[in-house]
Protein backbone atom coordinates (compact mmCIF):
# COMPACT_ATOMS: atom_id res chain seq x y z
CA MET A 1 -0.13 -0.09 -0.35
CA THR A 2 2.41 1.85 0.58
CA ALA A 3 3.83 2.22 -2.85
CA MET A 4 1.10 2.64 -3.93
CA TRP A 5 0.45 5.83 -1.83
CA GLN A 6 3.88 6.85 -3.54
CA GLY A 7 2.41 6.50 -7.04
CA LYS A 8 4.27 3.57 -7.87
CA SER A 9 2.67 0.41 -9.63
CA PRO A 10 2.27 -2.32 -7.24
CA ARG A 11 3.19 -5.78 -8.35
CA LEU A 12 0.86 -8.03 -6.80
CA LYS A 13 -0.73 -10.81 -8.83
CA MET A 14 -3.85 -11.02 -7.72
CA ASN A 15 -7.79 -11.09 -8.39
CA PRO A 16 -9.01 -8.32 -6.18
CA MET A 17 -12.83 -9.87 -7.00
CA ASP A 18 -11.76 -13.23 -5.17
CA TYR A 19 -11.32 -11.05 -1.85
CA GLU A 20 -13.77 -10.12 0.86
CA VAL A 21 -11.72 -7.87 2.28
CA ILE A 22 -8.33 -6.51 1.60
CA LEU A 23 -5.69 -4.63 3.81
CA GLY A 24 -3.46 -2.49 3.08
CA ILE A 25 -1.13 -0.14 6.06
CA ASN A 26 0.67 2.48 4.72
CA ASN A 27 3.71 4.06 5.91
CA ARG A 28 4.10 7.65 5.56
CA HIS A 29 6.77 10.21 6.91
CA ASN A 30 7.14 7.72 9.76
CA HIS A 31 3.58 7.82 10.46
CA TRP A 32 0.68 4.51 9.93
CA THR A 33 -2.28 4.41 8.23
CA LEU A 34 -4.80 1.25 7.45
CA VAL A 35 -6.73 1.28 4.31
CA VAL A 36 -9.38 -1.48 4.07
CA ILE A 37 -10.91 -2.60 0.60
CA TYR A 38 -13.88 -4.65 0.15
CA PRO A 39 -14.15 -4.97 -3.62
CA GLN A 40 -17.68 -6.71 -4.07
CA ASP A 41 -18.92 -3.70 -2.61
CA LYS A 42 -16.92 -0.65 -4.27
CA ARG A 43 -15.86 1.54 -1.19
CA SER A 44 -12.80 1.57 0.72
CA LEU A 45 -11.76 2.88 4.19
CA PHE A 46 -9.12 4.85 5.30
CA LEU A 47 -7.77 5.42 9.03
CA ASP A 48 -5.81 7.18 10.20
CA PRO A 49 -4.48 7.17 14.29
CA LEU A 50 -4.69 10.78 14.90
CA GLY A 51 -7.47 11.58 12.65
CA GLU A 52 -8.38 11.53 8.58
CA SER A 53 -8.79 14.66 6.40
CA LYS A 54 -10.36 15.03 3.21
CA GLN A 55 -7.68 14.98 1.47
CA ASP A 56 -6.61 11.47 2.65
CA ILE A 57 -10.01 9.81 2.25
CA GLN A 58 -9.94 11.71 -1.45
CA LYS A 59 -6.51 10.33 -2.42
CA CYS A 60 -7.49 6.59 -0.90
CA LEU A 61 -11.00 6.69 -3.07
CA GLN A 62 -8.02 7.31 -6.32
CA ILE A 63 -5.56 5.28 -5.10
CA THR A 64 -7.86 2.08 -5.04
CA ARG A 65 -9.95 3.08 -7.46
CA ALA A 66 -6.95 3.06 -9.66
CA PHE A 67 -5.47 -0.47 -8.13
CA MET A 68 -9.20 -1.94 -9.08
CA ARG A 69 -8.99 -0.31 -12.33
CA LYS A 70 -5.44 -1.56 -13.41
CA LYS A 71 -6.74 -4.77 -11.88
CA GLY A 72 -9.42 -4.90 -14.54
CA CYS A 73 -12.69 -4.15 -11.99
CA SER A 74 -15.15 -2.02 -12.44
CA VAL A 75 -14.92 1.16 -10.33
CA SER A 76 -18.01 2.85 -11.23
CA TRP A 77 -19.48 4.17 -7.88
CA TRP A 78 -16.60 3.54 -5.59
CA THR A 79 -16.45 5.54 -2.19
CA CYS A 80 -13.84 5.52 0.08
CA ASP A 81 -14.89 6.81 4.00
CA THR A 82 -13.85 5.93 7.01
CA VAL A 83 -15.46 4.81 10.10
CA LYS A 84 -15.68 6.80 14.21
CA HIS A 85 -12.45 5.48 16.04
CA PRO A 86 -10.59 6.36 18.56
CA LYS A 87 -8.13 8.42 18.40
CA GLN A 88 -3.67 7.34 19.16
CA GLN A 89 -2.99 9.00 22.49
CA ASP A 90 1.04 8.97 22.11
CA SER A 91 3.59 9.73 19.14
CA THR A 92 4.78 6.08 18.91
CA SER A 93 2.13 4.32 18.80
CA CYS A 94 0.37 4.96 15.41
CA GLY A 95 1.07 1.01 13.81
CA ILE A 96 0.25 -0.91 16.27
CA PHE A 97 -3.06 1.05 16.36
CA ALA A 98 -3.88 0.84 12.23
CA LEU A 99 -3.63 -3.19 13.22
CA LYS A 100 -5.43 -2.82 16.45
CA VAL A 101 -8.54 -1.02 14.53
CA HIS A 102 -8.55 -3.06 11.41
CA THR A 103 -8.93 -6.54 14.39
CA ASN A 104 -11.85 -3.70 15.36
CA LEU A 105 -13.88 -3.54 12.55
CA HIS A 106 -13.48 -7.19 11.82
CA THR A 107 -14.90 -8.98 15.83
């Protein structure tokens, strides 16, 4: 996911439609965020432990749509949003926080 966020083309050999959920952990400037892709629902979630900006949600939308399009999937009506989650309370645990938020989404 970090490579896609940096504008690089991923080398993933997969059909996204074979999966219910695809997770991507992104590291940008030593800060970890989480992208959750639901291929069959044509939607993504962006979660930032420090809080999401509209620009980051829009960037996530563009990146996940481009990824799905390159894999031959329809991206019409694709959406990206976030969900309510607690905020990171320190300056060092964003990676663990992103993983914990993922676990809580699917329990």
